[in-house]
N, C-alpha and C. Protein backbone atom coordinates (compact mmCIF):
# COMPACT_ATOMS: atom_id res chain seq x y z
N MET A 1 64.62 112.64 96.41
CA MET A 1 65.39 111.54 95.88
C MET A 1 66.69 111.40 96.68
N ALA A 2 67.01 110.19 97.04
CA ALA A 2 68.21 109.93 97.84
C ALA A 2 69.47 110.11 97.01
N THR A 3 70.49 110.65 97.64
CA THR A 3 71.78 110.81 96.98
C THR A 3 72.48 109.46 96.96
N THR A 4 72.99 109.09 95.80
CA THR A 4 73.74 107.84 95.71
C THR A 4 75.15 108.05 96.25
N ILE A 5 75.82 106.96 96.56
CA ILE A 5 77.22 107.06 96.99
C ILE A 5 78.05 107.64 95.85
N GLN A 6 77.73 107.25 94.63
CA GLN A 6 78.45 107.78 93.47
C GLN A 6 78.31 109.30 93.40
N ASP A 7 77.11 109.81 93.61
CA ASP A 7 76.88 111.26 93.62
C ASP A 7 77.63 111.93 94.76
N SER A 8 77.63 111.30 95.92
CA SER A 8 78.32 111.86 97.09
C SER A 8 79.82 111.96 96.83
N ILE A 9 80.41 110.92 96.24
CA ILE A 9 81.84 110.95 95.91
C ILE A 9 82.13 112.11 94.97
N THR A 10 81.33 112.24 93.92
CA THR A 10 81.52 113.31 92.94
C THR A 10 81.41 114.68 93.59
N GLN A 11 80.36 114.90 94.36
CA GLN A 11 80.13 116.19 94.99
C GLN A 11 81.25 116.57 95.96
N LYS A 12 81.70 115.62 96.76
CA LYS A 12 82.74 115.92 97.74
C LYS A 12 84.07 116.26 97.06
N LEU A 13 84.44 115.50 96.05
CA LEU A 13 85.70 115.78 95.36
C LEU A 13 85.65 117.14 94.67
N GLU A 14 84.54 117.44 94.02
CA GLU A 14 84.40 118.75 93.34
C GLU A 14 84.42 119.90 94.34
N ALA A 15 83.89 119.69 95.53
CA ALA A 15 83.83 120.75 96.54
C ALA A 15 85.17 120.96 97.25
N GLN A 16 86.00 119.94 97.32
CA GLN A 16 87.21 120.00 98.12
C GLN A 16 88.49 120.33 97.34
N MET A 17 88.42 120.29 96.02
CA MET A 17 89.62 120.56 95.24
C MET A 17 89.26 121.03 93.84
N PRO A 18 90.17 121.80 93.21
CA PRO A 18 89.91 122.21 91.83
C PRO A 18 90.04 121.00 90.92
N VAL A 19 89.02 120.75 90.12
CA VAL A 19 88.96 119.56 89.29
C VAL A 19 88.92 119.96 87.82
N GLN A 20 89.82 119.39 87.03
CA GLN A 20 89.77 119.60 85.58
C GLN A 20 89.00 118.48 84.91
N VAL A 21 89.23 117.25 85.36
CA VAL A 21 88.51 116.08 84.86
C VAL A 21 88.15 115.23 86.07
N LEU A 22 86.91 114.79 86.12
CA LEU A 22 86.48 113.88 87.17
C LEU A 22 85.49 112.89 86.58
N GLU A 23 85.82 111.62 86.72
CA GLU A 23 84.92 110.56 86.31
C GLU A 23 84.84 109.57 87.46
N VAL A 24 83.62 109.35 87.95
CA VAL A 24 83.37 108.40 89.01
C VAL A 24 82.46 107.32 88.42
N VAL A 25 83.00 106.09 88.36
CA VAL A 25 82.27 104.99 87.75
C VAL A 25 81.97 103.93 88.80
N ASN A 26 80.70 103.55 88.90
CA ASN A 26 80.30 102.47 89.79
C ASN A 26 80.58 101.16 89.06
N GLU A 27 81.58 100.42 89.53
CA GLU A 27 81.96 99.15 88.90
C GLU A 27 81.47 97.95 89.72
N SER A 28 80.53 98.18 90.59
CA SER A 28 80.04 97.11 91.47
C SER A 28 79.48 95.94 90.67
N HIS A 29 78.85 96.22 89.54
CA HIS A 29 78.25 95.16 88.72
C HIS A 29 79.29 94.16 88.22
N MET A 30 80.57 94.53 88.25
CA MET A 30 81.65 93.66 87.79
C MET A 30 82.12 92.71 88.90
N HIS A 31 81.50 92.78 90.07
CA HIS A 31 81.95 92.03 91.23
C HIS A 31 80.81 91.19 91.80
N SER A 32 81.15 90.33 92.74
CA SER A 32 80.17 89.43 93.37
C SER A 32 79.42 90.14 94.48
N VAL A 33 78.52 91.03 94.06
CA VAL A 33 77.71 91.78 95.01
C VAL A 33 76.26 91.77 94.52
N PRO A 34 75.31 92.06 95.39
CA PRO A 34 73.91 92.10 94.96
C PRO A 34 73.67 93.17 93.88
N PRO A 35 72.65 92.99 93.06
CA PRO A 35 72.31 94.00 92.04
C PRO A 35 72.11 95.38 92.67
N ASN A 36 72.46 96.41 91.93
CA ASN A 36 72.30 97.81 92.34
C ASN A 36 73.18 98.20 93.53
N SER A 37 74.25 97.46 93.76
CA SER A 37 75.16 97.79 94.86
C SER A 37 76.01 98.99 94.50
N GLU A 38 76.52 99.65 95.52
CA GLU A 38 77.47 100.75 95.37
C GLU A 38 78.64 100.47 96.29
N THR A 39 79.46 99.51 95.88
CA THR A 39 80.56 99.05 96.71
C THR A 39 81.93 99.21 96.06
N HIS A 40 81.99 99.25 94.75
CA HIS A 40 83.25 99.29 94.01
C HIS A 40 83.22 100.47 93.03
N PHE A 41 84.19 101.37 93.16
CA PHE A 41 84.22 102.56 92.31
C PHE A 41 85.59 102.76 91.69
N LYS A 42 85.58 103.33 90.51
CA LYS A 42 86.80 103.77 89.82
C LYS A 42 86.70 105.29 89.71
N VAL A 43 87.72 105.97 90.20
CA VAL A 43 87.75 107.43 90.14
C VAL A 43 88.96 107.87 89.31
N THR A 44 88.69 108.62 88.28
CA THR A 44 89.74 109.26 87.48
C THR A 44 89.63 110.74 87.78
N LEU A 45 90.74 111.32 88.25
CA LEU A 45 90.72 112.70 88.71
C LEU A 45 91.97 113.44 88.24
N VAL A 46 91.74 114.56 87.57
CA VAL A 46 92.83 115.42 87.10
C VAL A 46 92.71 116.74 87.84
N SER A 47 93.79 117.11 88.56
CA SER A 47 93.76 118.34 89.34
C SER A 47 95.17 118.88 89.54
N GLU A 48 95.27 120.20 89.55
CA GLU A 48 96.54 120.86 89.87
C GLU A 48 96.97 120.56 91.30
N THR A 49 96.00 120.19 92.15
CA THR A 49 96.30 119.86 93.54
C THR A 49 97.39 118.80 93.64
N PHE A 50 97.46 117.91 92.65
CA PHE A 50 98.40 116.80 92.70
C PHE A 50 99.83 117.17 92.31
N SER A 51 100.04 118.39 91.84
CA SER A 51 101.39 118.82 91.47
C SER A 51 102.31 118.73 92.68
N GLY A 52 103.43 118.05 92.53
CA GLY A 52 104.39 117.90 93.61
C GLY A 52 104.07 116.80 94.60
N MET A 53 102.96 116.11 94.41
CA MET A 53 102.56 115.02 95.30
C MET A 53 102.88 113.68 94.65
N GLY A 54 103.38 112.76 95.43
CA GLY A 54 103.54 111.38 94.96
C GLY A 54 102.20 110.66 94.98
N LYS A 55 102.20 109.46 94.44
CA LYS A 55 100.97 108.68 94.33
C LYS A 55 100.33 108.42 95.70
N VAL A 56 101.13 108.06 96.69
CA VAL A 56 100.60 107.75 98.02
C VAL A 56 99.93 108.98 98.63
N LYS A 57 100.57 110.13 98.54
CA LYS A 57 100.00 111.37 99.10
C LYS A 57 98.70 111.75 98.38
N ARG A 58 98.66 111.54 97.08
CA ARG A 58 97.43 111.82 96.32
C ARG A 58 96.29 110.95 96.83
N HIS A 59 96.57 109.66 96.99
CA HIS A 59 95.54 108.74 97.45
C HIS A 59 95.12 109.07 98.87
N GLN A 60 96.06 109.40 99.73
CA GLN A 60 95.72 109.78 101.11
C GLN A 60 94.83 111.01 101.14
N HIS A 61 95.10 111.96 100.25
CA HIS A 61 94.28 113.18 100.17
C HIS A 61 92.84 112.82 99.81
N ILE A 62 92.67 111.93 98.86
CA ILE A 62 91.31 111.52 98.46
C ILE A 62 90.65 110.69 99.56
N TYR A 63 91.41 109.79 100.19
CA TYR A 63 90.85 108.99 101.28
C TYR A 63 90.32 109.89 102.40
N GLN A 64 91.04 110.97 102.68
CA GLN A 64 90.60 111.91 103.72
C GLN A 64 89.26 112.56 103.33
N ILE A 65 89.16 112.98 102.08
CA ILE A 65 87.93 113.62 101.61
C ILE A 65 86.76 112.64 101.65
N LEU A 66 87.02 111.38 101.31
CA LEU A 66 85.96 110.37 101.21
C LEU A 66 85.91 109.43 102.42
N SER A 67 86.36 109.91 103.56
CA SER A 67 86.45 109.05 104.75
C SER A 67 85.10 108.45 105.15
N ASP A 68 84.02 109.20 105.03
CA ASP A 68 82.70 108.68 105.40
C ASP A 68 82.29 107.53 104.47
N GLU A 69 82.52 107.70 103.18
CA GLU A 69 82.14 106.67 102.22
C GLU A 69 82.98 105.40 102.42
N LEU A 70 84.28 105.60 102.70
CA LEU A 70 85.17 104.45 102.90
C LEU A 70 84.87 103.73 104.22
N ALA A 71 84.37 104.45 105.21
CA ALA A 71 83.99 103.83 106.48
C ALA A 71 82.64 103.14 106.37
N GLY A 72 81.89 103.47 105.33
CA GLY A 72 80.56 102.89 105.14
C GLY A 72 80.58 101.74 104.15
N GLY A 73 79.82 101.88 103.09
CA GLY A 73 79.62 100.77 102.17
C GLY A 73 80.62 100.59 101.06
N VAL A 74 81.56 101.51 100.88
CA VAL A 74 82.51 101.39 99.78
C VAL A 74 83.58 100.36 100.16
N HIS A 75 83.65 99.31 99.35
CA HIS A 75 84.59 98.22 99.59
C HIS A 75 85.90 98.43 98.83
N ALA A 76 85.80 99.01 97.63
CA ALA A 76 87.00 99.19 96.80
C ALA A 76 86.92 100.51 96.07
N LEU A 77 88.07 101.19 96.01
CA LEU A 77 88.16 102.48 95.35
C LEU A 77 89.43 102.49 94.51
N ALA A 78 89.26 102.35 93.20
CA ALA A 78 90.40 102.40 92.28
C ALA A 78 90.63 103.86 91.93
N LEU A 79 91.83 104.36 92.23
CA LEU A 79 92.13 105.78 92.02
C LEU A 79 93.15 105.94 90.90
N HIS A 80 92.82 106.80 89.96
CA HIS A 80 93.72 107.17 88.87
C HIS A 80 93.83 108.69 88.92
N THR A 81 94.93 109.17 89.49
CA THR A 81 95.10 110.60 89.75
C THR A 81 96.21 111.17 88.88
N TYR A 82 95.94 112.34 88.32
CA TYR A 82 96.87 112.97 87.38
C TYR A 82 96.93 114.48 87.60
N THR A 83 98.09 115.04 87.32
CA THR A 83 98.17 116.48 87.11
C THR A 83 97.71 116.71 85.68
N PRO A 84 97.40 117.95 85.30
CA PRO A 84 97.00 118.19 83.90
C PRO A 84 98.09 117.74 82.91
N GLU A 85 99.36 117.93 83.26
CA GLU A 85 100.44 117.52 82.36
C GLU A 85 100.50 116.01 82.22
N GLU A 86 100.34 115.30 83.34
CA GLU A 86 100.35 113.83 83.31
C GLU A 86 99.17 113.29 82.50
N TRP A 87 98.03 113.96 82.63
CA TRP A 87 96.82 113.56 81.90
C TRP A 87 97.06 113.70 80.39
N LEU A 88 97.70 114.77 80.01
CA LEU A 88 98.04 114.98 78.61
C LEU A 88 98.97 113.87 78.11
N GLN A 89 99.99 113.55 78.92
CA GLN A 89 100.93 112.49 78.55
C GLN A 89 100.26 111.12 78.49
N ALA A 90 99.23 110.91 79.29
CA ALA A 90 98.50 109.64 79.30
C ALA A 90 97.50 109.54 78.15
N GLY A 91 97.44 110.57 77.32
CA GLY A 91 96.50 110.56 76.20
C GLY A 91 95.06 110.73 76.60
N HIS A 92 94.86 111.41 77.73
CA HIS A 92 93.51 111.68 78.26
C HIS A 92 92.73 110.39 78.50
N ALA A 93 93.42 109.37 79.01
CA ALA A 93 92.75 108.09 79.27
C ALA A 93 93.35 107.40 80.48
N ALA A 94 92.48 106.89 81.33
CA ALA A 94 92.90 106.08 82.47
C ALA A 94 92.86 104.61 82.06
N PRO A 95 93.62 103.76 82.72
CA PRO A 95 93.60 102.34 82.37
C PRO A 95 92.25 101.70 82.68
N ASP A 96 91.93 100.65 81.95
CA ASP A 96 90.72 99.88 82.22
C ASP A 96 90.91 99.10 83.51
N SER A 97 89.81 98.84 84.18
CA SER A 97 89.86 98.04 85.40
C SER A 97 89.96 96.57 85.02
N PRO A 98 90.70 95.79 85.83
CA PRO A 98 90.80 94.35 85.55
C PRO A 98 89.49 93.66 85.88
N ASN A 99 89.31 92.48 85.34
CA ASN A 99 88.14 91.68 85.68
C ASN A 99 88.24 91.21 87.12
N CYS A 100 87.10 91.07 87.77
CA CYS A 100 87.04 90.60 89.14
C CYS A 100 87.48 89.13 89.18
N MET A 101 88.33 88.79 90.14
CA MET A 101 88.77 87.41 90.30
C MET A 101 88.30 86.81 91.62
N GLY A 102 87.50 87.53 92.36
CA GLY A 102 87.07 87.06 93.68
C GLY A 102 85.67 86.52 93.68
N GLY A 103 85.30 85.92 94.79
CA GLY A 103 83.94 85.45 95.01
C GLY A 103 83.47 84.48 93.95
N SER A 104 82.19 84.53 93.64
CA SER A 104 81.60 83.59 92.70
C SER A 104 81.94 83.89 91.25
N LYS A 105 82.61 85.01 90.97
CA LYS A 105 82.97 85.37 89.59
C LYS A 105 84.23 84.64 89.13
N GLN A 106 84.97 84.04 90.08
CA GLN A 106 86.21 83.35 89.73
C GLN A 106 85.88 82.06 89.00
N SER A 107 86.60 81.80 87.90
CA SER A 107 86.32 80.58 87.13
C SER A 107 87.30 79.48 87.43
């Protein structure tokens, strides 16, 4: 069975950093793409690795880990990164993704 991009993202993040919470959601169906696409993802990640890092450095760290996916078919990657303390303060919840406003989905 072929590994999906979603599985690859999950496996790489778990292998490259200590993860307390990881949720990788394929949100491609919310966008103007063909059925069963793997182009738009939301990643919620809680890790001690982010302690002392600003938002930009956190995102750069993830972009480096997922460079192959970003160079390939992944068009959008929404990142919600937290330290364990920040995750607690956020009530153990990441924000919902906005509705797609591009392509044929725009009204």
